Amino acid sequence: MIPGGGQPNMQQLLQQAQKMQQDLAAAQQELAETPVEGSAGGGLVKVTVSGAGELQGLVIDPKAVDPEDTETLADLILAAVRDANNAAQQLQQQKLGPLAQGLGGGIPGLPF
């Protein structure tokens, strides 16, 4: 029950919305600063991305380099990038998922 004849307290709603916005911004900043790794070929190719999915680093083991077979190396790099991006997406769900759910039902009276 909402006190005061069923009308939500607008000041309280605005404060809740502002806090959620601050929490979201903090979570996004944390994601941008969190390194996430992916690998392929049993660790022959390793990729580091930010939690937001930005490519930050690439390490290729010399054993993966065959001048006669650059196609396999390219496939390993793509697989490592996909692996890292999948890990970044999981991290995003962990950090942003609860905030997004809060937007859907955490502020009574707003049509989210």
N, C-alpha and C. Protein backbone atom coordinates (compact mmCIF):
# COMPACT_ATOMS: atom_id res chain seq x y z
N MET A 1 0.83 -1.19 0.00
CA MET A 1 0.00 0.00 0.00
C MET A 1 0.88 1.25 0.00
N ILE A 2 0.51 2.20 -0.80
CA ILE A 2 1.22 3.46 -0.84
C ILE A 2 0.46 4.46 0.02
N PRO A 3 1.12 5.03 1.04
CA PRO A 3 0.42 5.99 1.91
C PRO A 3 0.09 7.26 1.13
N GLY A 4 -0.90 7.98 1.62
CA GLY A 4 -1.25 9.27 1.03
C GLY A 4 -2.24 9.15 -0.10
N GLY A 5 -3.16 8.21 0.00
CA GLY A 5 -4.22 8.12 -1.00
C GLY A 5 -3.79 7.43 -2.28
N GLY A 6 -2.74 6.63 -2.24
CA GLY A 6 -2.34 5.86 -3.41
C GLY A 6 -1.41 6.60 -4.36
N GLN A 7 -1.07 7.82 -4.07
CA GLN A 7 -0.17 8.58 -4.94
C GLN A 7 1.27 8.35 -4.51
N PRO A 8 2.14 7.95 -5.45
CA PRO A 8 3.54 7.76 -5.07
C PRO A 8 4.20 9.10 -4.74
N ASN A 9 5.13 9.06 -3.84
CA ASN A 9 5.89 10.24 -3.46
C ASN A 9 6.88 10.53 -4.59
N MET A 10 6.66 11.59 -5.33
CA MET A 10 7.50 11.90 -6.50
C MET A 10 8.95 12.13 -6.12
N GLN A 11 9.18 12.77 -4.99
CA GLN A 11 10.55 13.01 -4.55
C GLN A 11 11.27 11.68 -4.32
N GLN A 12 10.56 10.76 -3.69
CA GLN A 12 11.14 9.44 -3.42
C GLN A 12 11.41 8.70 -4.74
N LEU A 13 10.47 8.79 -5.66
CA LEU A 13 10.65 8.14 -6.97
C LEU A 13 11.86 8.71 -7.70
N LEU A 14 12.00 10.02 -7.66
CA LEU A 14 13.13 10.66 -8.33
C LEU A 14 14.45 10.25 -7.68
N GLN A 15 14.46 10.16 -6.36
CA GLN A 15 15.67 9.73 -5.66
C GLN A 15 16.03 8.29 -6.02
N GLN A 16 15.03 7.42 -6.09
CA GLN A 16 15.27 6.03 -6.46
C GLN A 16 15.82 5.95 -7.89
N ALA A 17 15.23 6.72 -8.80
CA ALA A 17 15.68 6.71 -10.19
C ALA A 17 17.11 7.24 -10.29
N GLN A 18 17.44 8.28 -9.53
CA GLN A 18 18.78 8.84 -9.56
C GLN A 18 19.79 7.84 -9.00
N LYS A 19 19.43 7.15 -7.93
CA LYS A 19 20.33 6.14 -7.36
C LYS A 19 20.56 5.00 -8.35
N MET A 20 19.50 4.56 -9.01
CA MET A 20 19.64 3.49 -9.99
C MET A 20 20.54 3.93 -11.14
N GLN A 21 20.41 5.17 -11.55
CA GLN A 21 21.24 5.70 -12.63
C GLN A 21 22.71 5.74 -12.18
N GLN A 22 22.96 6.14 -10.95
CA GLN A 22 24.32 6.17 -10.42
C GLN A 22 24.89 4.76 -10.31
N ASP A 23 24.06 3.82 -9.84
CA ASP A 23 24.50 2.42 -9.74
C ASP A 23 24.84 1.85 -11.11
N LEU A 24 24.03 2.17 -12.11
CA LEU A 24 24.27 1.71 -13.47
C LEU A 24 25.56 2.29 -14.01
N ALA A 25 25.79 3.57 -13.81
CA ALA A 25 27.02 4.21 -14.28
C ALA A 25 28.25 3.59 -13.59
N ALA A 26 28.14 3.31 -12.30
CA ALA A 26 29.26 2.70 -11.57
C ALA A 26 29.53 1.29 -12.09
N ALA A 27 28.47 0.53 -12.37
CA ALA A 27 28.64 -0.83 -12.89
C ALA A 27 29.27 -0.80 -14.28
N GLN A 28 28.85 0.15 -15.12
CA GLN A 28 29.43 0.27 -16.45
C GLN A 28 30.91 0.65 -16.37
N GLN A 29 31.26 1.52 -15.45
CA GLN A 29 32.67 1.90 -15.27
C GLN A 29 33.48 0.70 -14.80
N GLU A 30 32.92 -0.05 -13.88
CA GLU A 30 33.62 -1.25 -13.39
C GLU A 30 33.83 -2.25 -14.52
N LEU A 31 32.83 -2.42 -15.37
CA LEU A 31 32.98 -3.31 -16.53
C LEU A 31 34.10 -2.85 -17.45
N ALA A 32 34.15 -1.55 -17.70
CA ALA A 32 35.17 -1.01 -18.61
C ALA A 32 36.57 -1.24 -18.06
N GLU A 33 36.70 -1.35 -16.74
CA GLU A 33 38.01 -1.50 -16.11
C GLU A 33 38.37 -2.95 -15.78
N THR A 34 37.45 -3.89 -15.97
CA THR A 34 37.68 -5.28 -15.60
C THR A 34 38.17 -6.08 -16.80
N PRO A 35 39.39 -6.62 -16.72
CA PRO A 35 39.88 -7.44 -17.82
C PRO A 35 39.27 -8.84 -17.79
N VAL A 36 38.95 -9.37 -18.96
CA VAL A 36 38.39 -10.70 -19.10
C VAL A 36 39.20 -11.42 -20.18
N GLU A 37 39.56 -12.68 -19.92
CA GLU A 37 40.38 -13.41 -20.89
C GLU A 37 39.58 -14.47 -21.61
N GLY A 38 40.04 -14.77 -22.82
CA GLY A 38 39.53 -15.87 -23.60
C GLY A 38 40.71 -16.54 -24.26
N SER A 39 40.56 -17.81 -24.62
CA SER A 39 41.67 -18.50 -25.27
C SER A 39 41.14 -19.52 -26.26
N ALA A 40 42.06 -20.00 -27.10
CA ALA A 40 41.73 -21.02 -28.08
C ALA A 40 42.98 -21.84 -28.33
N GLY A 41 42.78 -23.03 -28.89
CA GLY A 41 43.91 -23.89 -29.22
C GLY A 41 44.67 -24.35 -28.00
N GLY A 42 43.96 -24.59 -26.91
CA GLY A 42 44.64 -25.03 -25.69
C GLY A 42 45.56 -23.98 -25.13
N GLY A 43 45.25 -22.71 -25.36
CA GLY A 43 46.06 -21.62 -24.82
C GLY A 43 47.09 -21.08 -25.80
N LEU A 44 47.08 -21.58 -27.05
CA LEU A 44 48.02 -21.06 -28.05
C LEU A 44 47.73 -19.60 -28.38
N VAL A 45 46.47 -19.23 -28.31
CA VAL A 45 46.07 -17.84 -28.55
C VAL A 45 45.25 -17.38 -27.36
N LYS A 46 45.66 -16.26 -26.76
CA LYS A 46 44.95 -15.69 -25.62
C LYS A 46 44.58 -14.26 -25.94
N VAL A 47 43.37 -13.90 -25.57
CA VAL A 47 42.84 -12.57 -25.83
C VAL A 47 42.34 -11.97 -24.52
N THR A 48 42.59 -10.69 -24.34
CA THR A 48 42.05 -9.96 -23.20
C THR A 48 41.12 -8.87 -23.73
N VAL A 49 39.92 -8.84 -23.17
CA VAL A 49 38.96 -7.78 -23.49
C VAL A 49 38.53 -7.14 -22.18
N SER A 50 38.00 -5.94 -22.27
CA SER A 50 37.40 -5.33 -21.08
C SER A 50 36.06 -6.01 -20.84
N GLY A 51 35.52 -5.83 -19.64
CA GLY A 51 34.21 -6.37 -19.35
C GLY A 51 33.14 -5.81 -20.26
N ALA A 52 33.44 -4.69 -20.91
CA ALA A 52 32.51 -4.09 -21.87
C ALA A 52 32.72 -4.66 -23.27
N GLY A 53 33.73 -5.54 -23.44
CA GLY A 53 33.95 -6.20 -24.73
C GLY A 53 34.98 -5.54 -25.63
N GLU A 54 35.73 -4.56 -25.13
CA GLU A 54 36.74 -3.88 -25.95
C GLU A 54 38.03 -4.69 -25.94
N LEU A 55 38.55 -5.03 -27.12
CA LEU A 55 39.79 -5.79 -27.24
C LEU A 55 40.94 -4.99 -26.67
N GLN A 56 41.68 -5.61 -25.72
CA GLN A 56 42.78 -4.92 -25.07
C GLN A 56 44.13 -5.60 -25.28
N GLY A 57 44.13 -6.90 -25.53
CA GLY A 57 45.41 -7.58 -25.68
C GLY A 57 45.26 -8.88 -26.45
N LEU A 58 46.36 -9.29 -27.08
CA LEU A 58 46.40 -10.51 -27.87
C LEU A 58 47.78 -11.13 -27.69
N VAL A 59 47.84 -12.41 -27.28
CA VAL A 59 49.10 -13.12 -27.13
C VAL A 59 49.03 -14.37 -28.00
N ILE A 60 50.02 -14.54 -28.86
CA ILE A 60 50.07 -15.70 -29.74
C ILE A 60 51.34 -16.48 -29.43
N ASP A 61 51.17 -17.74 -29.03
CA ASP A 61 52.30 -18.61 -28.79
C ASP A 61 53.00 -18.88 -30.12
N PRO A 62 54.32 -18.81 -30.16
CA PRO A 62 55.04 -19.06 -31.42
C PRO A 62 54.70 -20.40 -32.06
N LYS A 63 54.29 -21.38 -31.25
CA LYS A 63 53.92 -22.69 -31.81
C LYS A 63 52.70 -22.59 -32.72
N ALA A 64 51.90 -21.54 -32.54
CA ALA A 64 50.68 -21.38 -33.34
C ALA A 64 50.98 -20.77 -34.70
N VAL A 65 52.20 -20.28 -34.89
CA VAL A 65 52.54 -19.56 -36.11
C VAL A 65 53.17 -20.51 -37.12
N ASP A 66 52.46 -20.76 -38.20
CA ASP A 66 52.95 -21.57 -39.32
C ASP A 66 52.75 -20.74 -40.58
N PRO A 67 53.85 -20.25 -41.17
CA PRO A 67 53.71 -19.40 -42.36
C PRO A 67 52.94 -20.06 -43.50
N GLU A 68 52.90 -21.38 -43.49
CA GLU A 68 52.17 -22.10 -44.53
C GLU A 68 50.68 -22.25 -44.21
N ASP A 69 50.30 -21.93 -42.97
CA ASP A 69 48.91 -22.14 -42.56
C ASP A 69 48.41 -20.97 -41.71
N THR A 70 48.29 -19.81 -42.32
CA THR A 70 47.81 -18.64 -41.58
C THR A 70 46.31 -18.72 -41.32
N GLU A 71 45.61 -19.54 -42.07
CA GLU A 71 44.16 -19.68 -41.89
C GLU A 71 43.84 -20.27 -40.51
N THR A 72 44.60 -21.24 -40.07
CA THR A 72 44.37 -21.84 -38.75
C THR A 72 44.63 -20.81 -37.66
N LEU A 73 45.69 -20.02 -37.82
CA LEU A 73 45.98 -18.97 -36.83
C LEU A 73 44.84 -17.97 -36.76
N ALA A 74 44.32 -17.57 -37.91
CA ALA A 74 43.20 -16.64 -37.94
C ALA A 74 41.99 -17.23 -37.23
N ASP A 75 41.73 -18.53 -37.48
CA ASP A 75 40.61 -19.19 -36.81
C ASP A 75 40.79 -19.22 -35.29
N LEU A 76 42.03 -19.48 -34.84
CA LEU A 76 42.32 -19.49 -33.40
C LEU A 76 42.09 -18.11 -32.79
N ILE A 77 42.51 -17.08 -33.49
CA ILE A 77 42.32 -15.71 -32.99
C ILE A 77 40.82 -15.40 -32.88
N LEU A 78 40.07 -15.72 -33.92
CA LEU A 78 38.62 -15.47 -33.87
C LEU A 78 37.97 -16.24 -32.72
N ALA A 79 38.38 -17.50 -32.54
CA ALA A 79 37.79 -18.30 -31.47
C ALA A 79 38.14 -17.71 -30.10
N ALA A 80 39.36 -17.24 -29.93
CA ALA A 80 39.76 -16.64 -28.65
C ALA A 80 39.00 -15.35 -28.39
N VAL A 81 38.80 -14.54 -29.41
CA VAL A 81 38.04 -13.30 -29.26
C VAL A 81 36.59 -13.62 -28.89
N ARG A 82 36.01 -14.61 -29.55
CA ARG A 82 34.63 -15.00 -29.21
C ARG A 82 34.55 -15.49 -27.77
N ASP A 83 35.54 -16.28 -27.36
CA ASP A 83 35.57 -16.81 -26.00
C ASP A 83 35.63 -15.66 -24.99
N ALA A 84 36.50 -14.70 -25.24
CA ALA A 84 36.63 -13.55 -24.34
C ALA A 84 35.35 -12.72 -24.33
N ASN A 85 34.75 -12.51 -25.49
CA ASN A 85 33.52 -11.72 -25.54
C ASN A 85 32.36 -12.43 -24.84
N ASN A 86 32.31 -13.76 -24.94
CA ASN A 86 31.28 -14.50 -24.21
C ASN A 86 31.46 -14.31 -22.71
N ALA A 87 32.72 -14.37 -22.25
CA ALA A 87 33.00 -14.15 -20.83
C ALA A 87 32.62 -12.73 -20.42
N ALA A 88 32.88 -11.76 -21.30
CA ALA A 88 32.51 -10.37 -21.01
C ALA A 88 31.00 -10.22 -20.93
N GLN A 89 30.26 -10.90 -21.80
CA GLN A 89 28.80 -10.83 -21.76
C GLN A 89 28.25 -11.43 -20.47
N GLN A 90 28.86 -12.52 -20.02
CA GLN A 90 28.43 -13.11 -18.75
C GLN A 90 28.68 -12.15 -17.59
N LEU A 91 29.83 -11.48 -17.63
CA LEU A 91 30.14 -10.50 -16.60
C LEU A 91 29.14 -9.34 -16.65
N GLN A 92 28.78 -8.91 -17.85
CA GLN A 92 27.80 -7.84 -18.00
C GLN A 92 26.46 -8.25 -17.39
N GLN A 93 26.05 -9.48 -17.63
CA GLN A 93 24.79 -9.97 -17.07
C GLN A 93 24.84 -9.96 -15.54
N GLN A 94 25.99 -10.36 -14.99
CA GLN A 94 26.13 -10.38 -13.54
C GLN A 94 26.06 -8.97 -12.95
N LYS A 95 26.71 -8.03 -13.62
CA LYS A 95 26.79 -6.66 -13.09
C LYS A 95 25.56 -5.83 -13.41
N LEU A 96 25.05 -5.96 -14.62
CA LEU A 96 23.97 -5.08 -15.07
C LEU A 96 22.59 -5.73 -14.95
N GLY A 97 22.53 -7.05 -14.93
CA GLY A 97 21.25 -7.74 -14.86
C GLY A 97 20.38 -7.30 -13.71
N PRO A 98 20.92 -7.30 -12.48
CA PRO A 98 20.09 -6.86 -11.34
C PRO A 98 19.62 -5.42 -11.47
N LEU A 99 20.46 -4.56 -12.07
CA LEU A 99 20.06 -3.16 -12.24
C LEU A 99 18.94 -3.04 -13.26
N ALA A 100 19.02 -3.82 -14.33
CA ALA A 100 17.98 -3.78 -15.36
C ALA A 100 16.66 -4.30 -14.80
N GLN A 101 16.73 -5.33 -13.95
CA GLN A 101 15.51 -5.84 -13.33
C GLN A 101 14.89 -4.79 -12.42
N GLY A 102 15.74 -4.02 -11.75
CA GLY A 102 15.25 -2.95 -10.89
C GLY A 102 14.51 -1.89 -11.67
N LEU A 103 14.96 -1.63 -12.90
CA LEU A 103 14.27 -0.66 -13.73
C LEU A 103 12.88 -1.15 -14.10
N GLY A 104 12.72 -2.47 -14.22
CA GLY A 104 11.44 -3.03 -14.63
C GLY A 104 10.40 -3.04 -13.54
N GLY A 105 10.81 -3.09 -12.30
CA GLY A 105 9.80 -3.19 -11.26
C GLY A 105 10.18 -2.48 -9.98
N GLY A 106 11.33 -1.86 -9.97
CA GLY A 106 11.80 -1.28 -8.72
C GLY A 106 11.25 0.10 -8.43
N ILE A 107 10.68 0.75 -9.42
CA ILE A 107 10.14 2.09 -9.18
C ILE A 107 8.65 2.06 -9.48
N PRO A 108 7.83 1.99 -8.44
CA PRO A 108 6.39 1.93 -8.66
C PRO A 108 5.87 3.22 -9.31
N GLY A 109 4.96 3.03 -10.23
CA GLY A 109 4.34 4.19 -10.85
C GLY A 109 4.99 4.62 -12.16
N LEU A 110 6.17 4.08 -12.46
CA LEU A 110 6.81 4.42 -13.73
C LEU A 110 6.60 3.29 -14.72
N PRO A 111 6.35 3.60 -15.98
CA PRO A 111 6.00 2.57 -16.97
C PRO A 111 7.22 1.88 -17.59
N PHE A 112 8.05 1.23 -16.81
CA PHE A 112 9.20 0.51 -17.38
C PHE A 112 8.85 -0.95 -17.48
